[in-house]
Protein backbone atom coordinates (compact mmCIF):
# COMPACT_ATOMS: atom_id res chain seq x y z
CA UNK A 1 -33.94 144.17 15.65
CA UNK A 2 -31.27 144.65 12.99
CA UNK A 3 -31.34 147.48 10.53
CA UNK A 4 -30.90 146.73 6.83
CA UNK A 5 -28.00 148.40 5.12
CA UNK A 6 -29.67 150.39 2.32
CA UNK A 7 -26.41 150.63 0.43
CA UNK A 8 -26.22 146.82 0.08
CA UNK A 9 -29.86 146.55 -0.97
CA UNK A 10 -29.64 149.18 -3.68
CA UNK A 11 -26.51 147.84 -5.43
CA UNK A 12 -26.62 147.36 -9.16
CA UNK A 13 -27.23 143.69 -10.11
CA UNK A 14 -24.45 143.89 -12.71
CA UNK A 15 -22.03 145.13 -10.05
CA UNK A 16 -23.07 142.28 -7.73
CA UNK A 17 -22.47 139.79 -10.54
CA UNK A 18 -19.01 141.24 -11.20
CA UNK A 19 -18.17 141.14 -7.48
CA UNK A 20 -19.19 137.48 -7.28
CA UNK A 21 -17.16 136.68 -10.39
CA UNK A 22 -14.11 138.42 -8.90
CA UNK A 23 -14.41 136.31 -5.75
CA UNK A 24 -15.45 132.92 -7.15
CA UNK A 25 -14.43 133.08 -10.83
CA UNK A 26 -11.73 130.78 -12.16
CA UNK A 27 -8.39 132.59 -12.29
CA UNK A 28 -6.21 132.65 -15.39
CA UNK A 29 -2.65 131.39 -15.79
CA UNK A 30 -0.86 129.52 -13.02
CA UNK A 31 -3.39 130.73 -10.46
CA UNK A 32 -5.84 128.33 -12.12
CA UNK A 33 -4.22 125.60 -10.01
CA UNK A 34 -5.68 127.22 -6.88
CA UNK A 35 -9.35 127.16 -7.91
CA UNK A 36 -12.09 126.54 -5.37
CA UNK A 37 -14.94 125.84 -7.78
CA UNK A 38 -16.10 122.26 -7.10
CA UNK A 39 -17.46 121.80 -10.63
CA UNK A 40 -14.13 122.64 -12.25
CA UNK A 41 -12.21 120.53 -9.75
CA UNK A 42 -14.48 117.54 -10.35
CA UNK A 43 -14.14 117.88 -14.11
CA UNK A 44 -10.34 118.00 -13.82
CA UNK A 45 -10.41 114.97 -11.55
CA UNK A 46 -12.49 112.96 -14.04
CA UNK A 47 -10.37 114.00 -17.03
CA UNK A 48 -7.20 113.01 -15.19
CA UNK A 49 -8.78 109.67 -14.26
CA UNK A 50 -9.72 109.02 -17.88
CA UNK A 51 -6.17 109.83 -19.05
CA UNK A 52 -4.82 107.25 -16.61
CA UNK A 53 -7.52 104.82 -17.79
CA UNK A 54 -6.14 105.15 -21.33
CA UNK A 55 -2.57 104.66 -20.09
CA UNK A 56 -3.66 101.57 -18.13
CA UNK A 57 -5.45 100.29 -21.23
CA UNK A 58 -2.29 100.66 -23.31
CA UNK A 59 -0.37 98.72 -20.67
CA UNK A 60 -3.07 96.02 -20.71
CA UNK A 61 -2.78 95.75 -24.49
CA UNK A 62 0.98 95.24 -24.13
CA UNK A 63 0.33 92.40 -21.67
CA UNK A 64 -2.29 90.85 -23.98
CA UNK A 65 0.09 91.13 -26.94
CA UNK A 66 2.71 89.16 -25.03
CA UNK A 67 0.13 86.49 -24.11
CA UNK A 68 -1.44 86.26 -27.58
CA UNK A 69 0.75 83.36 -28.71
CA UNK A 70 2.94 80.90 -26.82
CA UNK A 71 6.69 81.51 -26.63
CA UNK A 72 6.40 85.06 -27.94
CA UNK A 73 9.44 87.28 -27.47
CA UNK A 74 7.59 90.60 -27.62
CA UNK A 75 8.83 91.48 -24.11
CA UNK A 76 11.41 89.95 -21.82
CA UNK A 77 10.07 88.34 -18.64
CA UNK A 78 11.42 91.25 -16.58
CA UNK A 79 9.71 93.87 -18.76
CA UNK A 80 6.51 91.80 -18.77
CA UNK A 81 6.45 91.78 -14.96
CA UNK A 82 7.09 95.53 -14.85
CA UNK A 83 4.32 96.28 -17.37
CA UNK A 84 1.86 94.03 -15.50
CA UNK A 85 2.69 95.73 -12.20
CA UNK A 86 2.37 99.19 -13.73
CA UNK A 87 -0.99 98.24 -15.28
CA UNK A 88 -2.35 97.14 -11.91
CA UNK A 89 -0.98 100.16 -10.09
CA UNK A 90 -2.27 102.67 -12.64
CA UNK A 91 -5.72 101.10 -12.84
CA UNK A 92 -6.21 100.81 -9.08
CA UNK A 93 -4.54 103.90 -7.66
CA UNK A 94 -4.73 106.39 -10.52
CA UNK A 95 -8.05 105.42 -12.11
CA UNK A 96 -10.39 103.35 -9.92
CA UNK A 97 -9.91 105.08 -6.59
CA UNK A 98 -10.10 108.67 -7.95
CA UNK A 99 -13.12 107.88 -10.14
CA UNK A 100 -15.02 106.28 -7.24
CA UNK A 101 -14.29 109.15 -4.84
C-alpha cells in the first residue's frame, strides 16, 4: 500500500493554480510560438485558415472580373492563368485541408 505525501495534500489551492499556470500557461513574446495548449493552437489554425479563405476569395473575384464581359483586358492571359492557379492552390491547400483537419 502506498503512503500519501501529506505535503502534496496540504498545498495551498492558490499555489497549485499558479504552479499549473507556470507549466501550462501561454508564454509571452516569441515563446508563444511554442505553445502546447490545444485550444489556442486550434484557434490559431482556424484564424489562419480564414485569412487564406479571404485571400482565395480576392483571387476568385479577380478571375470573375476578367470573365464578367467578353474580350476584357483586365488581365493578360498569362496573369489570368497564374491567378486561377493561385486561387485553386490557396483554397485547397491553405484553406480546405487545414479547416477540415
